[in-house]
Amino acid sequence: MSTPTNMVSGPQSASEEETRKRQVSFGTTTTLYEDGSTSEEETKEGDGPNLETMVFGQVVSGYILGHYACSDGFRRIYEDSLIADKSDEWIAGVETMIAGIEETGSQSMYYGDYKVKRVNLPRLRDLLKILRLANLEVRYAKLLAQTQEIPCMTTSLPPNKVAEPPLQLVLVGDAMQ
């Protein structure tokens, strides 16, 4: 199992050979049936991880491995714009992962050859809370920034210039005779 040294590294330059290895190519898969017949289907070969699965893998494994423990730590690692754009997808991905683990006992990730097991379910549930909270914090910060741009057209009352209204007695009913 390979363990990355930096969970959230930027894009790294790859050699031309590595890039060529990661490109998707298509080939054929021959299926042999019980009656002796065969069929050929076009299939992908050498399909490597894409950027989205790499970042999702960093989000999940980063929390499980203790690279962050709260939404503040998460937001120090990932930019608010990325959280705003991808957190709904990450939340759905973690929910799908949880459902898969509950059904089969484990889920493989397309990142770092990691396999997430039942023992990680509590951490995944906590990760969901962190992702939801970070999403909410980013959206709230964006909303605050937008409302600060709205000019305030009211003026404040001058201090000590507010007069109290005079006290009036109003009698109701039989007392008015």
C-alpha atoms as a PDB file:
ATOM      1  CA  MET A   1       0.000   0.000   0.000  1.00  0.00           C
ATOM      2  CA  SER A   2       1.495   3.333  -0.962  1.00  0.00           C
ATOM      3  CA  THR A   3       1.264   6.244   1.452  1.00  0.00           C
ATOM      4  CA  PRO A   4       1.629   9.742   0.044  1.00  0.00           C
ATOM      5  CA  THR A   5       3.962  12.073   1.910  1.00  0.00           C
ATOM      6  CA  ASN A   6       1.824  15.150   1.344  1.00  0.00           C
ATOM      7  CA  MET A   7      -1.921  14.659   1.398  1.00  0.00           C
ATOM      8  CA  VAL A   8      -2.707  17.917  -0.370  1.00  0.00           C
ATOM      9  CA  SER A   9      -0.007  18.619  -2.845  1.00  0.00           C
ATOM     10  CA  GLY A  10      -0.463  20.704  -5.934  1.00  0.00           C
ATOM     11  CA  PRO A  11      -0.219  19.310  -9.419  1.00  0.00           C
ATOM     12  CA  GLN A  12       3.093  17.597  -9.893  1.00  0.00           C
ATOM     13  CA  SER A  13       4.893  17.432 -13.163  1.00  0.00           C
ATOM     14  CA  ALA A  14       5.006  13.950 -14.580  1.00  0.00           C
ATOM     15  CA  SER A  15       7.476  12.548 -17.027  1.00  0.00           C
ATOM     16  CA  GLU A  16       6.270  11.963 -20.563  1.00  0.00           C
ATOM     17  CA  GLU A  17       6.353   8.203 -19.980  1.00  0.00           C
ATOM     18  CA  GLU A  18       4.222   8.486 -16.806  1.00  0.00           C
ATOM     19  CA  THR A  19       1.726  10.680 -18.637  1.00  0.00           C
ATOM     20  CA  ARG A  20       1.527   8.197 -21.491  1.00  0.00           C
ATOM     21  CA  LYS A  21       0.934   5.354 -19.003  1.00  0.00           C
ATOM     22  CA  ARG A  22      -1.965   7.229 -17.403  1.00  0.00           C
ATOM     23  CA  GLN A  23      -3.756   7.954 -20.666  1.00  0.00           C
ATOM     24  CA  VAL A  24      -6.884   6.000 -21.359  1.00  0.00           C
ATOM     25  CA  SER A  25      -6.662   3.543 -24.204  1.00  0.00           C
ATOM     26  CA  PHE A  26      -9.289   1.196 -25.469  1.00  0.00           C
ATOM     27  CA  GLY A  27      -8.944  -2.468 -26.201  1.00  0.00           C
ATOM     28  CA  THR A  28     -11.246  -5.432 -26.449  1.00  0.00           C
ATOM     29  CA  THR A  29     -12.307  -7.926 -23.839  1.00  0.00           C
ATOM     30  CA  THR A  30     -13.394 -11.340 -25.016  1.00  0.00           C
ATOM     31  CA  THR A  31     -16.067 -13.033 -22.925  1.00  0.00           C
ATOM     32  CA  LEU A  32     -16.440 -16.827 -23.101  1.00  0.00           C
ATOM     33  CA  TYR A  33     -19.911 -18.155 -22.291  1.00  0.00           C
ATOM     34  CA  GLU A  34     -20.875 -21.609 -20.994  1.00  0.00           C
ATOM     35  CA  ASP A  35     -22.258 -22.662 -24.392  1.00  0.00           C
ATOM     36  CA  GLY A  36     -18.857 -21.993 -26.001  1.00  0.00           C
ATOM     37  CA  SER A  37     -19.831 -18.736 -27.708  1.00  0.00           C
ATOM     38  CA  THR A  38     -17.782 -15.582 -27.274  1.00  0.00           C
ATOM     39  CA  SER A  39     -18.362 -11.861 -27.484  1.00  0.00           C
ATOM     40  CA  GLU A  40     -15.979  -8.938 -27.678  1.00  0.00           C
ATOM     41  CA  GLU A  41     -16.498  -5.605 -25.969  1.00  0.00           C
ATOM     42  CA  GLU A  42     -14.462  -2.451 -26.100  1.00  0.00           C
ATOM     43  CA  THR A  43     -12.958  -1.732 -22.694  1.00  0.00           C
ATOM     44  CA  LYS A  44     -10.652   0.836 -21.161  1.00  0.00           C
ATOM     45  CA  GLU A  45      -7.089  -0.070 -20.380  1.00  0.00           C
ATOM     46  CA  GLY A  46      -4.674   1.901 -18.258  1.00  0.00           C
ATOM     47  CA  ASP A  47      -7.353   4.183 -16.860  1.00  0.00           C
ATOM     48  CA  GLY A  48      -5.658   6.232 -14.165  1.00  0.00           C
ATOM     49  CA  PRO A  49      -7.159   8.394 -11.460  1.00  0.00           C
ATOM     50  CA  ASN A  50      -8.452  11.787 -12.475  1.00  0.00           C
ATOM     51  CA  LEU A  51      -7.965  15.021 -10.557  1.00  0.00           C
ATOM     52  CA  GLU A  52     -11.407  14.913  -8.925  1.00  0.00           C
ATOM     53  CA  THR A  53     -10.931  11.409  -7.518  1.00  0.00           C
ATOM     54  CA  MET A  54      -7.459  12.371  -6.323  1.00  0.00           C
ATOM     55  CA  VAL A  55      -8.776  15.384  -4.387  1.00  0.00           C
ATOM     56  CA  PHE A  56     -11.702  13.380  -3.005  1.00  0.00           C
ATOM     57  CA  GLY A  57      -9.242  10.701  -1.909  1.00  0.00           C
ATOM     58  CA  GLN A  58      -7.135  13.349  -0.186  1.00  0.00           C
ATOM     59  CA  VAL A  59     -10.218  14.712   1.602  1.00  0.00           C
ATOM     60  CA  VAL A  60     -11.263  11.275   2.902  1.00  0.00           C
ATOM     61  CA  SER A  61      -7.853   9.827   3.694  1.00  0.00           C
ATOM     62  CA  GLY A  62      -6.650  13.141   5.120  1.00  0.00           C
ATOM     63  CA  TYR A  63      -9.337  13.035   7.783  1.00  0.00           C
ATOM     64  CA  ILE A  64      -8.948   9.333   8.536  1.00  0.00           C
ATOM     65  CA  LEU A  65      -5.164   9.736   8.846  1.00  0.00           C
ATOM     66  CA  GLY A  66      -5.515  12.800  11.097  1.00  0.00           C
ATOM     67  CA  HIS A  67      -4.288  15.562   8.788  1.00  0.00           C
ATOM     68  CA  TYR A  68      -7.201  17.678  10.007  1.00  0.00           C
ATOM     69  CA  ALA A  69      -9.769  17.198  12.752  1.00  0.00           C
ATOM     70  CA  CYS A  70     -12.272  20.024  12.356  1.00  0.00           C
ATOM     71  CA  SER A  71     -13.745  22.383   9.785  1.00  0.00           C
ATOM     72  CA  ASP A  72     -11.138  25.058  10.617  1.00  0.00           C
ATOM     73  CA  GLY A  73      -8.311  22.644   9.872  1.00  0.00           C
ATOM     74  CA  PHE A  74     -10.084  21.487   6.731  1.00  0.00           C
ATOM     75  CA  ARG A  75     -10.506  25.093   5.551  1.00  0.00           C
ATOM     76  CA  ARG A  76      -6.818  25.804   6.193  1.00  0.00           C
ATOM     77  CA  ILE A  77      -5.935  23.005   3.773  1.00  0.00           C
ATOM     78  CA  TYR A  78      -8.577  23.519   1.075  1.00  0.00           C
ATOM     79  CA  GLU A  79      -9.514  26.845  -0.471  1.00  0.00           C
ATOM     80  CA  ASP A  80     -13.003  28.199   0.102  1.00  0.00           C
ATOM     81  CA  SER A  81     -13.681  28.283  -3.639  1.00  0.00           C
ATOM     82  CA  LEU A  82     -12.913  24.551  -3.905  1.00  0.00           C
ATOM     83  CA  ILE A  83     -15.110  23.802  -0.894  1.00  0.00           C
ATOM     84  CA  ALA A  84     -17.954  25.853  -2.390  1.00  0.00           C
ATOM     85  CA  ASP A  85     -17.660  24.057  -5.725  1.00  0.00           C
ATOM     86  CA  LYS A  86     -17.055  20.473  -4.591  1.00  0.00           C
ATOM     87  CA  SER A  87     -18.385  19.950  -1.058  1.00  0.00           C
ATOM     88  CA  ASP A  88     -21.811  18.737  -2.220  1.00  0.00           C
ATOM     89  CA  GLU A  89     -20.089  16.126  -4.406  1.00  0.00           C
ATOM     90  CA  TRP A  90     -17.746  15.141  -1.570  1.00  0.00           C
ATOM     91  CA  ILE A  91     -20.674  14.782   0.823  1.00  0.00           C
ATOM     92  CA  ALA A  92     -22.517  12.571  -1.676  1.00  0.00           C
ATOM     93  CA  GLY A  93     -19.338  10.552  -2.226  1.00  0.00           C
ATOM     94  CA  VAL A  94     -18.828   9.948   1.497  1.00  0.00           C
ATOM     95  CA  GLU A  95     -22.500   8.995   1.891  1.00  0.00           C
ATOM     96  CA  THR A  96     -22.124   6.513  -0.981  1.00  0.00           C
ATOM     97  CA  MET A  97     -18.941   5.165   0.593  1.00  0.00           C
ATOM     98  CA  ILE A  98     -20.696   4.690   3.945  1.00  0.00           C
ATOM     99  CA  ALA A  99     -23.580   2.842   2.266  1.00  0.00           C
ATOM    100  CA  GLY A 100     -21.121   0.624   0.385  1.00  0.00           C
ATOM    101  CA  ILE A 101     -19.186  -0.220   3.537  1.00  0.00           C
ATOM    102  CA  GLU A 102     -22.393  -1.010   5.413  1.00  0.00           C
ATOM    103  CA  GLU A 103     -23.388  -3.366   2.594  1.00  0.00           C
ATOM    104  CA  THR A 104     -20.076  -5.038   1.720  1.00  0.00           C
ATOM    105  CA  GLY A 105     -17.753  -4.356   4.643  1.00  0.00           C
ATOM    106  CA  SER A 106     -15.242  -2.220   2.750  1.00  0.00           C
ATOM    107  CA  GLN A 107     -14.814   0.229  -0.138  1.00  0.00           C
ATOM    108  CA  SER A 108     -11.758   0.712  -2.286  1.00  0.00           C
ATOM    109  CA  MET A 109     -10.736   4.243  -3.151  1.00  0.00           C
ATOM    110  CA  TYR A 110      -9.280   5.427  -6.429  1.00  0.00           C
ATOM    111  CA  TYR A 111      -6.533   7.096  -4.435  1.00  0.00           C
ATOM    112  CA  GLY A 112      -3.392   5.729  -2.867  1.00  0.00           C
ATOM    113  CA  ASP A 113      -4.584   2.098  -3.028  1.00  0.00           C
ATOM    114  CA  TYR A 114      -6.621   2.730   0.130  1.00  0.00           C
ATOM    115  CA  LYS A 115      -9.385   0.425   1.253  1.00  0.00           C
ATOM    116  CA  VAL A 116     -11.802   1.910   3.780  1.00  0.00           C
ATOM    117  CA  LYS A 117     -13.364  -0.609   6.173  1.00  0.00           C
ATOM    118  CA  ARG A 118     -16.132  -0.810   8.774  1.00  0.00           C
ATOM    119  CA  VAL A 119     -13.780   0.360  11.486  1.00  0.00           C
ATOM    120  CA  ASN A 120     -13.646   3.718   9.681  1.00  0.00           C
ATOM    121  CA  LEU A 121     -17.420   4.288   9.659  1.00  0.00           C
ATOM    122  CA  PRO A 122     -17.430   6.571  12.734  1.00  0.00           C
ATOM    123  CA  ARG A 123     -14.663   8.682  11.168  1.00  0.00           C
ATOM    124  CA  LEU A 124     -16.565   8.879   7.881  1.00  0.00           C
ATOM    125  CA  ARG A 125     -19.699  10.027   9.706  1.00  0.00           C
ATOM    126  CA  ASP A 126     -17.634  12.690  11.488  1.00  0.00           C
ATOM    127  CA  LEU A 127     -16.142  13.689   8.141  1.00  0.00           C
ATOM    128  CA  LEU A 128     -19.668  14.261   6.817  1.00  0.00           C
ATOM    129  CA  LYS A 129     -20.278  16.707   9.672  1.00  0.00           C
ATOM    130  CA  ILE A 130     -17.023  18.530   8.938  1.00  0.00           C
ATOM    131  CA  LEU A 131     -17.810  18.765   5.220  1.00  0.00           C
ATOM    132  CA  ARG A 132     -21.319  20.078   5.906  1.00  0.00           C
ATOM    133  CA  LEU A 133     -20.048  22.595   8.441  1.00  0.00           C
ATOM    134  CA  ALA A 134     -17.245  23.823   6.166  1.00  0.00           C
ATOM    135  CA  ASN A 135     -19.758  24.159   3.319  1.00  0.00           C
ATOM    136  CA  LEU A 136     -22.064  26.178   5.570  1.00  0.00           C
ATOM    137  CA  GLU A 137     -19.208  28.377   6.810  1.00  0.00           C
ATOM    138  CA  VAL A 138     -18.040  29.139   3.270  1.00  0.00           C
ATOM    139  CA  ARG A 139     -21.556  29.982   2.102  1.00  0.00           C
ATOM    140  CA  TYR A 140     -22.174  32.125   5.179  1.00  0.00           C
ATOM    141  CA  ALA A 141     -18.908  34.027   4.649  1.00  0.00           C
ATOM    142  CA  LYS A 142     -19.866  34.627   1.030  1.00  0.00           C
ATOM    143  CA  LEU A 143     -23.308  35.876   2.076  1.00  0.00           C
ATOM    144  CA  LEU A 144     -21.769  38.220   4.653  1.00  0.00           C
ATOM    145  CA  ALA A 145     -19.397  39.608   2.040  1.00  0.00           C
ATOM    146  CA  GLN A 146     -22.343  40.283  -0.280  1.00  0.00           C
ATOM    147  CA  THR A 147     -24.385  42.042   2.418  1.00  0.00           C
ATOM    148  CA  GLN A 148     -21.467  44.283   3.365  1.00  0.00           C
ATOM    149  CA  GLU A 149     -21.536  45.631  -0.173  1.00  0.00           C
ATOM    150  CA  ILE A 150     -25.106  46.930   0.300  1.00  0.00           C
ATOM    151  CA  PRO A 151     -24.984  50.607   1.353  1.00  0.00           C
ATOM    152  CA  CYS A 152     -26.895  51.537   4.477  1.00  0.00           C
ATOM    153  CA  MET A 153     -29.279  54.437   3.796  1.00  0.00           C
ATOM    154  CA  THR A 154     -30.387  55.133   7.361  1.00  0.00           C
ATOM    155  CA  THR A 155     -29.037  57.775   9.688  1.00  0.00           C
ATOM    156  CA  SER A 156     -28.685  57.306  13.382  1.00  0.00           C
ATOM    157  CA  LEU A 157     -30.593  59.441  15.848  1.00  0.00           C
ATOM    158  CA  PRO A 158     -28.543  62.083  17.618  1.00  0.00           C
ATOM    159  CA  PRO A 159     -27.716  61.139  21.219  1.00  0.00           C
ATOM    160  CA  ASN A 160     -29.815  62.690  24.026  1.00  0.00           C
ATOM    161  CA  LYS A 161     -32.209  64.278  21.523  1.00  0.00           C
ATOM    162  CA  VAL A 162     -34.951  61.682  21.730  1.00  0.00           C
ATOM    163  CA  ALA A 163     -37.905  63.135  23.618  1.00  0.00           C
ATOM    164  CA  GLU A 164     -40.122  60.863  25.637  1.00  0.00           C
ATOM    165  CA  PRO A 165     -43.779  61.039  24.547  1.00  0.00           C
ATOM    166  CA  PRO A 166     -46.016  62.693  27.159  1.00  0.00           C
ATOM    167  CA  LEU A 167     -47.878  60.351  29.445  1.00  0.00           C
ATOM    168  CA  GLN A 168     -51.640  60.323  28.758  1.00  0.00           C
ATOM    169  CA  LEU A 169     -54.323  58.643  30.746  1.00  0.00           C
ATOM    170  CA  VAL A 170     -57.116  57.017  28.831  1.00  0.00           C
ATOM    171  CA  LEU A 171     -60.184  55.883  30.709  1.00  0.00           C
ATOM    172  CA  VAL A 172     -62.342  53.182  29.288  1.00  0.00           C
ATOM    173  CA  GLY A 173     -65.917  52.265  30.067  1.00  0.00           C
ATOM    174  CA  ASP A 174     -67.806  53.570  33.180  1.00  0.00           C
ATOM    175  CA  ALA A 175     -64.921  55.725  34.298  1.00  0.00           C
ATOM    176  CA  MET A 176     -65.543  58.155  31.415  1.00  0.00           C
ATOM    177  CA  GLN A 177     -68.717  59.680  32.962  1.00  0.00           C
END
